[in-house]
Amino acid sequence: MPRVTAQPTRSPRSWAAARPRARRRAARWQLPPALALFLLLAALYVLTSGGHTYSYDEETIFGLTESLVERGSIVVPTCAGCTIIHSEPAPGGRNYSRYGPLQSFVAVPFYVAGRAVAGENDAARWFLTRFAADMMNPLVTAVTAALLYLLARWLGYRHGAALAAALAYGLGTQAWPHSKTFFSEPLTTFLLLGAVCCWWRLAVAAGARRAAWWAAGIGVCCGLAIATKYGAGIAVPVLALAAAVALWGHWRAGRLALRGV
């Protein structure tokens, strides 16, 4: 008869001790919620993106990107058959984009990537540079949704409520349709939301130095938003007033002593 060896059995205490270890091992492989949300929405936006421009406005913004890379100039060339909406010619007949330049500047790396893939084929370069540049807004919109999730968490909302708000923005508003275009609204929205996040961090800042950094962040985000879309300037007075109220609260509480700046 073969000898049967009894298998050792674990006590309830050993099972209880093993469960936290298993949870820790599983947690190492879990993505942070904001990152997971970004990856999910970015994949969705990229898959549903048209990969091309839709209007003369987008072609004008893209034309500045092209000029920056190909000629190292902010002059946007125009001709009778070009799909470029140009402003009134400057002295010397030069034309400049009438839209905020930051969208075009941020798209430069995407243009360069598309140009590298296309090589010397003119037709491929025409398509792939636009396709690559058009991939910018899906990523920016996904980052905006992730930032909205983080803001909701900072405000004290639970994971489920913050996730619902971010998904409602990403899937139930004009954010999704705009992610398919090369318009400047997605980048403008991201920068204005960044200013709101800086305002909240300013309101709860623990010291004068941190308050100064977050106040500067509001100014930077607002300035970049205006450089992206001039109409974003309408939000600046509201954000400036909110920042002033937060700084006044810190001042009255004695947290803005000059020696701490």
C-alpha atoms as a PDB file:
ATOM      1  CA  MET A   1       0.000   0.000   0.000  1.00  0.00           C
ATOM      2  CA  PRO A   2       1.408   3.423  -0.906  1.00  0.00           C
ATOM      3  CA  ARG A   3       2.002   5.635   2.008  1.00  0.00           C
ATOM      4  CA  VAL A   4      -0.347   8.613   2.087  1.00  0.00           C
ATOM      5  CA  THR A   5       1.032  11.785   3.589  1.00  0.00           C
ATOM      6  CA  ALA A   6      -1.467  14.064   5.213  1.00  0.00           C
ATOM      7  CA  GLN A   7      -1.453  17.588   3.806  1.00  0.00           C
ATOM      8  CA  PRO A   8      -0.988  20.302   6.374  1.00  0.00           C
ATOM      9  CA  THR A   9      -3.993  22.465   6.904  1.00  0.00           C
ATOM     10  CA  ARG A  10      -3.897  26.172   7.534  1.00  0.00           C
ATOM     11  CA  SER A  11      -5.429  27.592  10.604  1.00  0.00           C
ATOM     12  CA  PRO A  12      -7.952  30.427  10.329  1.00  0.00           C
ATOM     13  CA  ARG A  13      -5.295  32.734  11.757  1.00  0.00           C
ATOM     14  CA  SER A  14      -2.821  31.907   8.951  1.00  0.00           C
ATOM     15  CA  TRP A  15      -5.515  32.478   6.327  1.00  0.00           C
ATOM     16  CA  ALA A  16      -6.308  35.835   7.896  1.00  0.00           C
ATOM     17  CA  ALA A  17      -2.620  36.773   7.812  1.00  0.00           C
ATOM     18  CA  ALA A  18      -2.307  35.751   4.158  1.00  0.00           C
ATOM     19  CA  ARG A  19      -5.206  37.886   2.950  1.00  0.00           C
ATOM     20  CA  PRO A  20      -3.544  41.294   3.585  1.00  0.00           C
ATOM     21  CA  ARG A  21      -0.424  40.062   1.781  1.00  0.00           C
ATOM     22  CA  ALA A  22      -2.513  39.016  -1.200  1.00  0.00           C
ATOM     23  CA  ARG A  23      -4.246  42.373  -1.218  1.00  0.00           C
ATOM     24  CA  ARG A  24      -0.884  44.169  -1.175  1.00  0.00           C
ATOM     25  CA  ARG A  25       0.387  42.061  -4.077  1.00  0.00           C
ATOM     26  CA  ALA A  26      -2.799  42.802  -6.047  1.00  0.00           C
ATOM     27  CA  ALA A  27      -2.566  46.502  -5.241  1.00  0.00           C
ATOM     28  CA  ARG A  28       0.864  46.658  -6.866  1.00  0.00           C
ATOM     29  CA  TRP A  29      -0.729  45.778 -10.197  1.00  0.00           C
ATOM     30  CA  GLN A  30      -3.651  48.196  -9.908  1.00  0.00           C
ATOM     31  CA  LEU A  31      -3.459  51.458 -11.833  1.00  0.00           C
ATOM     32  CA  PRO A  32      -4.311  54.691 -10.022  1.00  0.00           C
ATOM     33  CA  PRO A  33      -7.923  55.598 -10.860  1.00  0.00           C
ATOM     34  CA  ALA A  34      -6.989  58.848 -12.598  1.00  0.00           C
ATOM     35  CA  LEU A  35      -4.445  57.067 -14.805  1.00  0.00           C
ATOM     36  CA  ALA A  36      -6.873  54.265 -15.621  1.00  0.00           C
ATOM     37  CA  LEU A  37      -9.529  56.831 -16.527  1.00  0.00           C
ATOM     38  CA  PHE A  38      -7.079  58.663 -18.777  1.00  0.00           C
ATOM     39  CA  LEU A  39      -6.068  55.474 -20.604  1.00  0.00           C
ATOM     40  CA  LEU A  40      -9.687  54.408 -21.092  1.00  0.00           C
ATOM     41  CA  LEU A  41     -10.865  57.737 -22.492  1.00  0.00           C
ATOM     42  CA  ALA A  42      -7.713  58.302 -24.547  1.00  0.00           C
ATOM     43  CA  ALA A  43      -8.191  54.926 -26.241  1.00  0.00           C
ATOM     44  CA  LEU A  44     -11.844  55.697 -26.921  1.00  0.00           C
ATOM     45  CA  TYR A  45     -11.120  59.169 -28.295  1.00  0.00           C
ATOM     46  CA  VAL A  46      -8.293  57.961 -30.519  1.00  0.00           C
ATOM     47  CA  LEU A  47     -10.410  55.131 -31.915  1.00  0.00           C
ATOM     48  CA  THR A  48     -13.283  57.494 -32.721  1.00  0.00           C
ATOM     49  CA  SER A  49     -11.123  60.333 -34.033  1.00  0.00           C
ATOM     50  CA  GLY A  50     -11.416  61.302 -37.680  1.00  0.00           C
ATOM     51  CA  GLY A  51      -7.673  61.755 -38.078  1.00  0.00           C
ATOM     52  CA  HIS A  52      -8.077  64.837 -40.271  1.00  0.00           C
ATOM     53  CA  THR A  53      -9.201  68.441 -40.123  1.00  0.00           C
ATOM     54  CA  TYR A  54     -12.796  69.428 -40.811  1.00  0.00           C
ATOM     55  CA  SER A  55     -12.767  73.160 -41.441  1.00  0.00           C
ATOM     56  CA  TYR A  56     -10.791  76.148 -42.654  1.00  0.00           C
ATOM     57  CA  ASP A  57     -10.330  77.232 -39.040  1.00  0.00           C
ATOM     58  CA  GLU A  58      -8.485  74.020 -38.200  1.00  0.00           C
ATOM     59  CA  GLU A  59      -6.402  74.310 -41.364  1.00  0.00           C
ATOM     60  CA  THR A  60      -5.360  77.804 -40.307  1.00  0.00           C
ATOM     61  CA  ILE A  61      -4.243  76.572 -36.884  1.00  0.00           C
ATOM     62  CA  PHE A  62      -2.494  73.638 -38.528  1.00  0.00           C
ATOM     63  CA  GLY A  63      -0.894  75.972 -41.061  1.00  0.00           C
ATOM     64  CA  LEU A  64       0.963  77.763 -38.256  1.00  0.00           C
ATOM     65  CA  THR A  65       2.226  74.423 -36.917  1.00  0.00           C
ATOM     66  CA  GLU A  66       3.421  73.488 -40.378  1.00  0.00           C
ATOM     67  CA  SER A  67       5.142  76.832 -40.839  1.00  0.00           C
ATOM     68  CA  LEU A  68       6.896  76.546 -37.474  1.00  0.00           C
ATOM     69  CA  VAL A  69       8.358  73.151 -38.378  1.00  0.00           C
ATOM     70  CA  GLU A  70       9.036  73.550 -42.080  1.00  0.00           C
ATOM     71  CA  ARG A  71      10.167  77.192 -42.201  1.00  0.00           C
ATOM     72  CA  GLY A  72      10.834  78.175 -38.588  1.00  0.00           C
ATOM     73  CA  SER A  73       8.436  81.089 -39.004  1.00  0.00           C
ATOM     74  CA  ILE A  74       5.089  82.244 -37.656  1.00  0.00           C
ATOM     75  CA  VAL A  75       4.089  83.531 -41.088  1.00  0.00           C
ATOM     76  CA  VAL A  76       1.278  81.411 -42.510  1.00  0.00           C
ATOM     77  CA  PRO A  77       1.585  81.239 -46.291  1.00  0.00           C
ATOM     78  CA  THR A  78      -1.588  81.612 -48.274  1.00  0.00           C
ATOM     79  CA  CYS A  79      -2.607  81.306 -51.891  1.00  0.00           C
ATOM     80  CA  ALA A  80      -5.744  81.276 -54.005  1.00  0.00           C
ATOM     81  CA  GLY A  81      -6.252  77.535 -53.574  1.00  0.00           C
ATOM     82  CA  CYS A  82      -5.113  77.209 -49.962  1.00  0.00           C
ATOM     83  CA  THR A  83      -7.605  76.241 -47.258  1.00  0.00           C
ATOM     84  CA  ILE A  84      -6.287  78.956 -44.947  1.00  0.00           C
ATOM     85  CA  ILE A  85      -8.370  81.726 -43.398  1.00  0.00           C
ATOM     86  CA  HIS A  86      -5.813  84.493 -43.110  1.00  0.00           C
ATOM     87  CA  SER A  87      -6.069  87.831 -41.426  1.00  0.00           C
ATOM     88  CA  GLU A  88      -5.414  91.112 -43.148  1.00  0.00           C
ATOM     89  CA  PRO A  89      -1.948  91.026 -44.728  1.00  0.00           C
ATOM     90  CA  ALA A  90       0.737  92.744 -42.694  1.00  0.00           C
ATOM     91  CA  PRO A  91       3.257  95.101 -44.311  1.00  0.00           C
ATOM     92  CA  GLY A  92       5.178  93.154 -46.892  1.00  0.00           C
ATOM     93  CA  GLY A  93       2.210  90.928 -47.727  1.00  0.00           C
ATOM     94  CA  ARG A  94       2.843  88.485 -44.885  1.00  0.00           C
ATOM     95  CA  ASN A  95      -0.107  86.736 -43.246  1.00  0.00           C
ATOM     96  CA  TYR A  96      -0.476  85.519 -39.680  1.00  0.00           C
ATOM     97  CA  SER A  97      -2.959  83.214 -38.012  1.00  0.00           C
ATOM     98  CA  ARG A  98      -5.811  85.047 -36.344  1.00  0.00           C
ATOM     99  CA  TYR A  99      -6.140  82.360 -33.668  1.00  0.00           C
ATOM    100  CA  GLY A 100      -4.305  81.803 -30.396  1.00  0.00           C
ATOM    101  CA  PRO A 101      -0.827  80.428 -31.182  1.00  0.00           C
ATOM    102  CA  LEU A 102      -0.389  77.987 -28.287  1.00  0.00           C
ATOM    103  CA  GLN A 103      -2.480  75.243 -29.922  1.00  0.00           C
ATOM    104  CA  SER A 104      -0.156  75.356 -32.924  1.00  0.00           C
ATOM    105  CA  PHE A 105       2.980  75.331 -30.769  1.00  0.00           C
ATOM    106  CA  VAL A 106       1.830  72.360 -28.649  1.00  0.00           C
ATOM    107  CA  ALA A 107       1.054  70.405 -31.834  1.00  0.00           C
ATOM    108  CA  VAL A 108       4.640  70.721 -33.104  1.00  0.00           C
ATOM    109  CA  PRO A 109       5.879  67.395 -31.603  1.00  0.00           C
ATOM    110  CA  PHE A 110       2.878  65.587 -33.093  1.00  0.00           C
ATOM    111  CA  TYR A 111       3.578  67.141 -36.498  1.00  0.00           C
ATOM    112  CA  VAL A 112       7.238  66.143 -36.292  1.00  0.00           C
ATOM    113  CA  ALA A 113       6.266  62.557 -35.450  1.00  0.00           C
ATOM    114  CA  GLY A 114       3.903  62.372 -38.426  1.00  0.00           C
ATOM    115  CA  ARG A 115       6.522  63.893 -40.697  1.00  0.00           C
ATOM    116  CA  ALA A 116       9.109  61.344 -39.562  1.00  0.00           C
ATOM    117  CA  VAL A 117       6.768  58.450 -40.315  1.00  0.00           C
ATOM    118  CA  ALA A 118       5.817  59.855 -43.734  1.00  0.00           C
ATOM    119  CA  GLY A 119       9.385  60.269 -44.935  1.00  0.00           C
ATOM    120  CA  GLU A 120       9.844  61.948 -48.314  1.00  0.00           C
ATOM    121  CA  ASN A 121       6.478  60.950 -49.762  1.00  0.00           C
ATOM    122  CA  ASP A 122       4.552  64.205 -50.227  1.00  0.00           C
ATOM    123  CA  ALA A 123       1.096  62.602 -50.186  1.00  0.00           C
ATOM    124  CA  ALA A 124       1.894  60.599 -47.058  1.00  0.00           C
ATOM    125  CA  ARG A 125       3.347  63.697 -45.404  1.00  0.00           C
ATOM    126  CA  TRP A 126       0.200  65.707 -46.171  1.00  0.00           C
ATOM    127  CA  PHE A 127      -2.007  63.056 -44.541  1.00  0.00           C
ATOM    128  CA  LEU A 128       0.193  61.805 -41.677  1.00  0.00           C
ATOM    129  CA  THR A 129       1.139  65.230 -40.360  1.00  0.00           C
ATOM    130  CA  ARG A 130      -2.546  66.099 -40.061  1.00  0.00           C
ATOM    131  CA  PHE A 131      -3.351  62.694 -38.609  1.00  0.00           C
ATOM    132  CA  ALA A 132      -0.618  63.032 -35.965  1.00  0.00           C
ATOM    133  CA  ALA A 133      -1.603  66.595 -35.061  1.00  0.00           C
ATOM    134  CA  ASP A 134      -5.223  65.501 -34.775  1.00  0.00           C
ATOM    135  CA  MET A 135      -4.178  62.989 -32.074  1.00  0.00           C
ATOM    136  CA  MET A 136      -3.337  65.838 -29.708  1.00  0.00           C
ATOM    137  CA  ASN A 137      -6.885  66.726 -28.704  1.00  0.00           C
ATOM    138  CA  PRO A 138      -7.911  63.159 -27.748  1.00  0.00           C
ATOM    139  CA  LEU A 139      -5.022  63.040 -25.288  1.00  0.00           C
ATOM    140  CA  VAL A 140      -5.705  66.543 -23.948  1.00  0.00           C
ATOM    141  CA  THR A 141      -9.395  65.759 -23.435  1.00  0.00           C
ATOM    142  CA  ALA A 142      -8.563  62.513 -21.610  1.00  0.00           C
ATOM    143  CA  VAL A 143      -6.129  64.374 -19.342  1.00  0.00           C
ATOM    144  CA  THR A 144      -8.825  66.964 -18.612  1.00  0.00           C
ATOM    145  CA  ALA A 145     -11.267  64.243 -17.509  1.00  0.00           C
ATOM    146  CA  ALA A 146      -8.595  62.708 -15.259  1.00  0.00           C
ATOM    147  CA  LEU A 147      -7.869  66.138 -13.759  1.00  0.00           C
ATOM    148  CA  LEU A 148     -11.581  66.640 -13.126  1.00  0.00           C
ATOM    149  CA  TYR A 149     -11.619  63.333 -11.248  1.00  0.00           C
ATOM    150  CA  LEU A 150      -8.701  64.475  -9.094  1.00  0.00           C
ATOM    151  CA  LEU A 151     -10.362  67.820  -8.390  1.00  0.00           C
ATOM    152  CA  ALA A 152     -13.531  66.075  -7.236  1.00  0.00           C
ATOM    153  CA  ARG A 153     -11.463  63.873  -4.932  1.00  0.00           C
ATOM    154  CA  TRP A 154      -9.654  66.931  -3.530  1.00  0.00           C
ATOM    155  CA  LEU A 155     -13.025  68.507  -2.854  1.00  0.00           C
ATOM    156  CA  GLY A 156     -13.886  65.519  -0.661  1.00  0.00           C
ATOM    157  CA  TYR A 157     -16.152  63.504  -2.950  1.00  0.00           C
ATOM    158  CA  ARG A 158     -15.920  59.725  -2.917  1.00  0.00           C
ATOM    159  CA  HIS A 159     -14.379  57.683  -5.693  1.00  0.00           C
ATOM    160  CA  GLY A 160     -17.727  56.779  -7.262  1.00  0.00           C
ATOM    161  CA  ALA A 161     -19.000  60.354  -7.395  1.00  0.00           C
ATOM    162  CA  ALA A 162     -15.703  61.679  -8.757  1.00  0.00           C
ATOM    163  CA  LEU A 163     -15.578  58.954 -11.395  1.00  0.00           C
ATOM    164  CA  ALA A 164     -19.197  59.620 -12.404  1.00  0.00           C
ATOM    165  CA  ALA A 165     -18.463  63.332 -12.813  1.00  0.00           C
ATOM    166  CA  ALA A 166     -15.380  62.658 -14.931  1.00  0.00           C
ATOM    167  CA  LEU A 167     -17.193  60.133 -17.144  1.00  0.00           C
ATOM    168  CA  ALA A 168     -20.174  62.459 -17.499  1.00  0.00           C
ATOM    169  CA  TYR A 169     -17.810  65.148 -18.744  1.00  0.00           C
ATOM    170  CA  GLY A 170     -15.841  62.822 -20.997  1.00  0.00           C
ATOM    171  CA  LEU A 171     -18.781  60.965 -22.529  1.00  0.00           C
ATOM    172  CA  GLY A 172     -21.830  63.179 -22.077  1.00  0.00           C
ATOM    173  CA  THR A 173     -20.697  66.654 -23.116  1.00  0.00           C
ATOM    174  CA  GLN A 174     -19.183  68.381 -26.141  1.00  0.00           C
ATOM    175  CA  ALA A 175     -15.774  67.229 -24.921  1.00  0.00           C
ATOM    176  CA  TRP A 176     -16.009  64.022 -26.956  1.00  0.00           C
ATOM    177  CA  PRO A 177     -17.025  65.660 -30.273  1.00  0.00           C
ATOM    178  CA  HIS A 178     -14.380  68.357 -29.828  1.00  0.00           C
ATOM    179  CA  SER A 179     -11.715  65.714 -29.212  1.00  0.00           C
ATOM    180  CA  LYS A 180     -12.191  64.653 -32.847  1.00  0.00           C
ATOM    181  CA  THR A 181     -11.189  68.076 -34.154  1.00  0.00           C
ATOM    182  CA  PHE A 182      -8.098  70.283 -34.161  1.00  0.00           C
ATOM    183  CA  PHE A 183      -9.942  73.161 -32.526  1.00  0.00           C
ATOM    184  CA  SER A 184      -8.408  74.847 -29.477  1.00  0.00           C
ATOM    185  CA  GLU A 185     -11.337  74.250 -27.088  1.00  0.00           C
ATOM    186  CA  PRO A 186      -9.930  71.056 -25.498  1.00  0.00           C
ATOM    187  CA  LEU A 187      -6.598  72.669 -24.600  1.00  0.00           C
ATOM    188  CA  THR A 188      -8.372  75.818 -23.382  1.00  0.00           C
ATOM    189  CA  THR A 189     -10.647  73.732 -21.151  1.00  0.00           C
ATOM    190  CA  PHE A 190      -7.681  71.843 -19.706  1.00  0.00           C
ATOM    191  CA  LEU A 191      -5.850  75.060 -18.841  1.00  0.00           C
ATOM    192  CA  LEU A 192      -8.894  76.711 -17.274  1.00  0.00           C
ATOM    193  CA  LEU A 193      -9.561  73.577 -15.219  1.00  0.00           C
ATOM    194  CA  GLY A 194      -5.906  73.665 -14.209  1.00  0.00           C
ATOM    195  CA  ALA A 195      -6.454  77.227 -12.970  1.00  0.00           C
ATOM    196  CA  VAL A 196      -9.456  76.050 -10.934  1.00  0.00           C
ATOM    197  CA  CYS A 197      -7.340  73.265  -9.402  1.00  0.00           C
ATOM    198  CA  CYS A 198      -4.631  75.780  -8.522  1.00  0.00           C
ATOM    199  CA  TRP A 199      -7.272  77.978  -6.889  1.00  0.00           C
ATOM    200  CA  TRP A 200      -8.480  75.111  -4.725  1.00  0.00           C
ATOM    201  CA  ARG A 201      -4.939  74.190  -3.696  1.00  0.00           C
ATOM    202  CA  LEU A 202      -4.374  77.878  -2.903  1.00  0.00           C
ATOM    203  CA  ALA A 203      -7.475  77.974  -0.720  1.00  0.00           C
ATOM    204  CA  VAL A 204      -6.247  75.046   1.402  1.00  0.00           C
ATOM    205  CA  ALA A 205      -2.506  75.839   1.258  1.00  0.00           C
ATOM    206  CA  ALA A 206      -0.735  75.388   4.571  1.00  0.00           C
ATOM    207  CA  GLY A 207       1.924  78.077   4.234  1.00  0.00           C
ATOM    208  CA  ALA A 208       2.818  81.319   2.493  1.00  0.00           C
ATOM    209  CA  ARG A 209       5.313  79.725   0.119  1.00  0.00           C
ATOM    210  CA  ARG A 210       2.812  77.141  -1.106  1.00  0.00           C
ATOM    211  CA  ALA A 211       0.121  79.790  -1.410  1.00  0.00           C
ATOM    212  CA  ALA A 212       2.442  81.891  -3.559  1.00  0.00           C
ATOM    213  CA  TRP A 213       3.195  78.942  -5.852  1.00  0.00           C
ATOM    214  CA  TRP A 214      -0.480  78.078  -6.329  1.00  0.00           C
ATOM    215  CA  ALA A 215      -1.362  81.727  -6.946  1.00  0.00           C
ATOM    216  CA  ALA A 216       1.366  81.850  -9.589  1.00  0.00           C
ATOM    217  CA  GLY A 217      -0.082  78.659 -11.071  1.00  0.00           C
ATOM    218  CA  ILE A 218      -3.432  80.377 -11.537  1.00  0.00           C
ATOM    219  CA  GLY A 219      -1.751  83.207 -13.422  1.00  0.00           C
ATOM    220  CA  VAL A 220       0.247  80.829 -15.631  1.00  0.00           C
ATOM    221  CA  CYS A 221      -2.786  78.715 -16.497  1.00  0.00           C
ATOM    222  CA  CYS A 222      -4.880  81.784 -17.304  1.00  0.00           C
ATOM    223  CA  GLY A 223      -2.136  83.269 -19.455  1.00  0.00           C
ATOM    224  CA  LEU A 224      -1.688  80.037 -21.393  1.00  0.00           C
ATOM    225  CA  ALA A 225      -5.461  79.691 -21.822  1.00  0.00           C
ATOM    226  CA  ILE A 226      -5.626  83.156 -23.395  1.00  0.00           C
ATOM    227  CA  ALA A 227      -2.673  82.276 -25.624  1.00  0.00           C
ATOM    228  CA  THR A 228      -4.670  79.245 -26.766  1.00  0.00           C
ATOM    229  CA  LYS A 229      -8.011  80.964 -27.310  1.00  0.00           C
ATOM    230  CA  TYR A 230      -8.384  84.686 -26.866  1.00  0.00           C
ATOM    231  CA  GLY A 231     -11.984  84.324 -25.704  1.00  0.00           C
ATOM    232  CA  ALA A 232     -10.747  82.511 -22.583  1.00  0.00           C
ATOM    233  CA  GLY A 233      -9.950  85.932 -21.157  1.00  0.00           C
ATOM    234  CA  ILE A 234     -13.580  86.206 -20.088  1.00  0.00           C
ATOM    235  CA  ALA A 235     -12.869  83.687 -17.304  1.00  0.00           C
ATOM    236  CA  VAL A 236      -9.824  85.508 -15.967  1.00  0.00           C
ATOM    237  CA  PRO A 237     -11.681  88.100 -13.804  1.00  0.00           C
ATOM    238  CA  VAL A 238     -13.647  85.324 -12.078  1.00  0.00           C
ATOM    239  CA  LEU A 239     -10.513  83.300 -11.338  1.00  0.00           C
ATOM    240  CA  ALA A 240      -8.618  86.419 -10.261  1.00  0.00           C
ATOM    241  CA  LEU A 241     -11.408  87.337  -7.834  1.00  0.00           C
ATOM    242  CA  ALA A 242     -11.454  83.785  -6.418  1.00  0.00           C
ATOM    243  CA  ALA A 243      -7.668  83.902  -5.957  1.00  0.00           C
ATOM    244  CA  ALA A 244      -7.878  87.309  -4.274  1.00  0.00           C
ATOM    245  CA  VAL A 245     -10.520  86.026  -1.823  1.00  0.00           C
ATOM    246  CA  ALA A 246      -8.342  82.998  -0.993  1.00  0.00           C
ATOM    247  CA  LEU A 247      -5.260  85.154  -0.464  1.00  0.00           C
ATOM    248  CA  TRP A 248      -7.259  87.564   1.703  1.00  0.00           C
ATOM    249  CA  GLY A 249      -8.367  84.648   3.857  1.00  0.00           C
ATOM    250  CA  HIS A 250      -4.747  83.550   4.296  1.00  0.00           C
ATOM    251  CA  TRP A 251      -3.728  87.116   5.124  1.00  0.00           C
ATOM    252  CA  ARG A 252      -6.393  87.507   7.796  1.00  0.00           C
ATOM    253  CA  ALA A 253      -5.372  84.167   9.288  1.00  0.00           C
ATOM    254  CA  GLY A 254      -1.770  85.355   9.533  1.00  0.00           C
ATOM    255  CA  ARG A 255      -0.410  82.780   7.099  1.00  0.00           C
ATOM    256  CA  LEU A 256       1.060  85.294   4.634  1.00  0.00           C
ATOM    257  CA  ALA A 257       3.743  86.857   6.797  1.00  0.00           C
ATOM    258  CA  LEU A 258       6.475  88.322   4.618  1.00  0.00           C
ATOM    259  CA  ARG A 259       9.177  86.295   6.314  1.00  0.00           C
ATOM    260  CA  GLY A 260       7.554  83.075   5.058  1.00  0.00           C
ATOM    261  CA  VAL A 261       7.527  84.048   1.384  1.00  0.00           C
END
